[in-house]
């Protein structure tokens, strides 16, 4: 069931406790992806949640589900803009940044380091990951932590708990739109 993908991979974003999530959407024809995005954007945009395809490759689409207002606040931070500028970002509207992020995915292998900004990870942890080449972290959960491990572990727990509660609610028949918190 395609609805369950949103619950499984994006519950913290739907609950408005996380800026964004990513997940792979497997398809036979690309038209499926377009229809999925169109349908869910029609449903979710009114609650402040947006879906977009970041990258398509070999029958999969990497879908980015985000809270527009939360992402906008992050992109307005001067230290975030300075960081992104080092990776070639020049325009800082949500649309322009997401488009450029998509290009970064297309050009490189794997995930571009700045993806952490778009997922709401602390900048300190993103920079720590880059400088330490993914080693010497204090703890790991949704991301590798180089800054405040105690605070990060609280967030990891909160995200996991949210996912469990949302999965349980969804499987017991609760509508995904009722589970999505309006911004």
Protein backbone atom coordinates (compact mmCIF):
# COMPACT_ATOMS: atom_id res chain seq x y z
CA UNK A 1 0.00 0.00 0.00
CA UNK A 2 1.49 3.33 -1.12
CA UNK A 3 0.01 5.28 1.83
CA UNK A 4 2.01 3.21 4.24
CA UNK A 5 5.26 4.47 2.69
CA UNK A 6 4.51 7.92 4.09
CA UNK A 7 3.78 6.51 7.54
CA UNK A 8 6.84 4.26 7.61
CA UNK A 9 9.31 6.81 6.32
CA UNK A 10 7.85 10.21 7.14
CA UNK A 11 5.90 10.00 10.40
CA UNK A 12 8.05 12.62 12.20
CA UNK A 13 7.53 15.05 9.32
CA UNK A 14 3.79 14.34 9.23
CA UNK A 15 3.71 14.96 12.99
CA UNK A 16 5.57 18.26 12.49
CA UNK A 17 8.48 17.29 14.74
CA UNK A 18 11.01 16.94 11.91
CA UNK A 19 11.67 19.18 8.90
CA UNK A 20 11.80 16.44 6.28
CA UNK A 21 12.34 12.82 5.33
CA UNK A 22 13.45 10.95 2.22
CA UNK A 23 12.33 7.58 0.93
CA UNK A 24 12.64 5.43 -2.18
CA UNK A 25 9.54 4.89 -4.22
CA UNK A 26 9.70 1.87 -6.54
CA UNK A 27 7.73 2.10 -9.77
CA UNK A 28 7.18 0.33 -13.06
CA UNK A 29 6.26 3.44 -15.04
CA UNK A 30 7.32 6.97 -14.14
CA UNK A 31 3.70 8.08 -14.52
CA UNK A 32 3.04 6.33 -11.17
CA UNK A 33 5.46 8.72 -9.44
CA UNK A 34 3.85 11.76 -11.01
CA UNK A 35 0.38 10.58 -9.97
CA UNK A 36 1.57 9.77 -6.43
CA UNK A 37 3.14 13.22 -6.02
CA UNK A 38 0.15 15.00 -7.52
CA UNK A 39 -2.31 13.13 -5.30
CA UNK A 40 -0.38 13.60 -2.06
CA UNK A 41 0.52 17.22 -2.71
CA UNK A 42 -3.17 17.95 -3.28
CA UNK A 43 -3.92 16.32 0.09
CA UNK A 44 -0.93 17.49 2.14
CA UNK A 45 -0.06 20.99 0.91
CA UNK A 46 -2.96 22.45 2.88
CA UNK A 47 -1.26 21.09 6.01
CA UNK A 48 2.15 22.50 5.08
CA UNK A 49 3.63 19.22 3.82
CA UNK A 50 5.10 18.99 0.32
CA UNK A 51 6.45 16.07 -1.71
CA UNK A 52 8.89 16.21 -4.58
CA UNK A 53 11.06 13.83 -6.55
CA UNK A 54 14.76 14.52 -5.98
CA UNK A 55 16.20 11.81 -8.20
CA UNK A 56 15.02 9.02 -10.50
CA UNK A 57 17.18 6.01 -11.25
CA UNK A 58 16.50 2.43 -12.37
CA UNK A 59 12.84 2.21 -11.45
CA UNK A 60 13.11 4.17 -8.21
CA UNK A 61 12.38 7.74 -7.31
CA UNK A 62 13.94 9.38 -4.26
CA UNK A 63 11.06 11.34 -2.77
CA UNK A 64 11.62 14.27 -0.46
CA UNK A 65 8.79 15.04 1.96
CA UNK A 66 9.17 18.33 3.78
CA UNK A 67 7.55 21.02 5.88
CA UNK A 68 7.75 24.14 3.77
CA UNK A 69 7.72 26.67 6.63
CA UNK A 70 10.31 24.75 8.65
CA UNK A 71 12.63 24.41 5.66
CA UNK A 72 12.21 28.11 4.88
CA UNK A 73 13.36 29.01 8.41
CA UNK A 74 16.45 26.83 8.06
CA UNK A 75 17.32 28.31 4.67
CA UNK A 76 17.05 31.83 6.10
CA UNK A 77 19.84 31.20 8.64
CA UNK A 78 23.01 33.00 7.60
CA UNK A 79 25.35 30.17 8.71
CA UNK A 80 23.29 27.68 6.67
CA UNK A 81 23.43 29.95 3.62
CA UNK A 82 27.20 30.33 4.00
CA UNK A 83 27.56 26.55 4.25
CA UNK A 84 25.36 25.89 1.21
CA UNK A 85 27.12 28.60 -0.78
CA UNK A 86 30.35 26.58 -0.42
CA UNK A 87 28.55 23.76 -2.25
CA UNK A 88 27.41 25.97 -5.10
CA UNK A 89 24.01 27.16 -3.92
CA UNK A 90 23.42 30.72 -5.03
CA UNK A 91 19.67 31.27 -4.70
CA UNK A 92 18.03 30.43 -1.40
CA UNK A 93 14.36 30.09 -2.20
CA UNK A 94 13.01 26.67 -1.31
CA UNK A 95 12.36 25.85 -4.95
CA UNK A 96 15.83 26.88 -6.15
CA UNK A 97 17.55 25.02 -3.32
CA UNK A 98 15.61 21.81 -3.93
CA UNK A 99 16.31 22.04 -7.66
CA UNK A 100 20.02 22.48 -7.00
CA UNK A 101 19.99 19.63 -4.48
CA UNK A 102 18.49 17.43 -7.21
CA UNK A 103 21.34 18.42 -9.52
CA UNK A 104 23.83 17.55 -6.80
CA UNK A 105 22.29 14.06 -6.60
CA UNK A 106 22.48 13.67 -10.36
CA UNK A 107 26.12 14.74 -10.59
CA UNK A 108 27.57 12.83 -7.66
CA UNK A 109 27.58 9.30 -6.43
CA UNK A 110 25.55 8.77 -3.32
CA UNK A 111 24.14 11.49 -1.14
CA UNK A 112 25.56 15.02 -1.23
CA UNK A 113 26.75 16.08 2.23
CA UNK A 114 24.45 19.08 2.36
CA UNK A 115 21.38 16.82 2.36
CA UNK A 116 21.56 17.06 6.16
CA UNK A 117 20.50 20.70 5.97
CA UNK A 118 17.38 19.70 4.04
CA UNK A 119 16.56 17.01 6.59
CA UNK A 120 16.95 19.37 9.53
CA UNK A 121 20.16 17.93 10.96
CA UNK A 122 22.21 20.30 13.11
CA UNK A 123 24.79 22.16 11.01
CA UNK A 124 27.44 21.27 13.58
CA UNK A 125 26.83 17.58 12.88
CA UNK A 126 26.86 18.02 9.11
CA UNK A 127 30.17 19.89 9.23
CA UNK A 128 31.54 17.36 11.74
CA UNK A 129 30.63 14.51 9.39
CA UNK A 130 32.39 16.18 6.47
CA UNK A 131 35.51 17.12 8.42
CA UNK A 132 35.79 13.70 10.07
CA UNK A 133 34.88 11.79 6.90
CA UNK A 134 32.10 10.02 8.79
CA UNK A 135 34.36 8.86 11.64
CA UNK A 136 34.90 9.96 15.26
CA UNK A 137 31.22 10.62 15.95
CA UNK A 138 29.79 10.74 19.48
CA UNK A 139 26.69 8.69 18.68
CA UNK A 140 24.61 7.62 15.70
CA UNK A 141 20.89 7.45 15.06
CA UNK A 142 19.15 9.18 12.16
CA UNK A 143 22.51 10.86 11.52
CA UNK A 144 26.03 10.81 12.96
CA UNK A 145 26.35 13.22 15.84
CA UNK A 146 29.43 15.37 16.40
CA UNK A 147 27.82 18.04 18.58
CA UNK A 148 25.26 17.61 21.34
CA UNK A 149 24.87 13.83 21.68
CA UNK A 150 22.41 14.03 24.57
CA UNK A 151 20.04 16.29 22.66
CA UNK A 152 20.37 14.18 19.50
CA UNK A 153 19.58 10.96 21.37
CA UNK A 154 16.41 12.57 22.75
CA UNK A 155 15.40 13.49 19.20
CA UNK A 156 16.18 10.00 17.89
CA UNK A 157 13.95 8.53 20.58
CA UNK A 158 11.19 11.03 19.81
CA UNK A 159 11.34 10.21 16.08
CA UNK A 160 11.27 6.45 16.71
CA UNK A 161 8.38 6.76 19.16
CA UNK A 162 6.48 8.90 16.66
CA UNK A 163 6.99 6.34 13.92
CA UNK A 164 5.72 3.53 16.18
CA UNK A 165 2.64 5.51 17.26
CA UNK A 166 1.83 6.56 13.70
CA UNK A 167 2.26 3.02 12.36
CA UNK A 168 0.00 1.67 15.11
CA UNK A 169 -2.64 4.33 14.50
CA UNK A 170 -2.53 3.84 10.73
CA UNK A 171 -2.78 0.05 10.97
CA UNK A 172 -5.77 0.40 13.28
CA UNK A 173 -7.58 2.40 10.57
CA UNK A 174 -6.72 6.03 11.33
CA UNK A 175 -6.64 8.14 8.16
CA UNK A 176 -3.24 9.51 7.15
CA UNK A 177 -4.65 13.01 6.76
CA UNK A 178 -5.95 12.95 10.32
CA UNK A 179 -2.47 11.90 11.46
CA UNK A 180 -0.86 14.81 9.59
CA UNK A 181 -0.51 17.86 11.81
CA UNK A 182 -1.38 21.16 10.17
CA UNK A 183 1.35 23.79 10.22
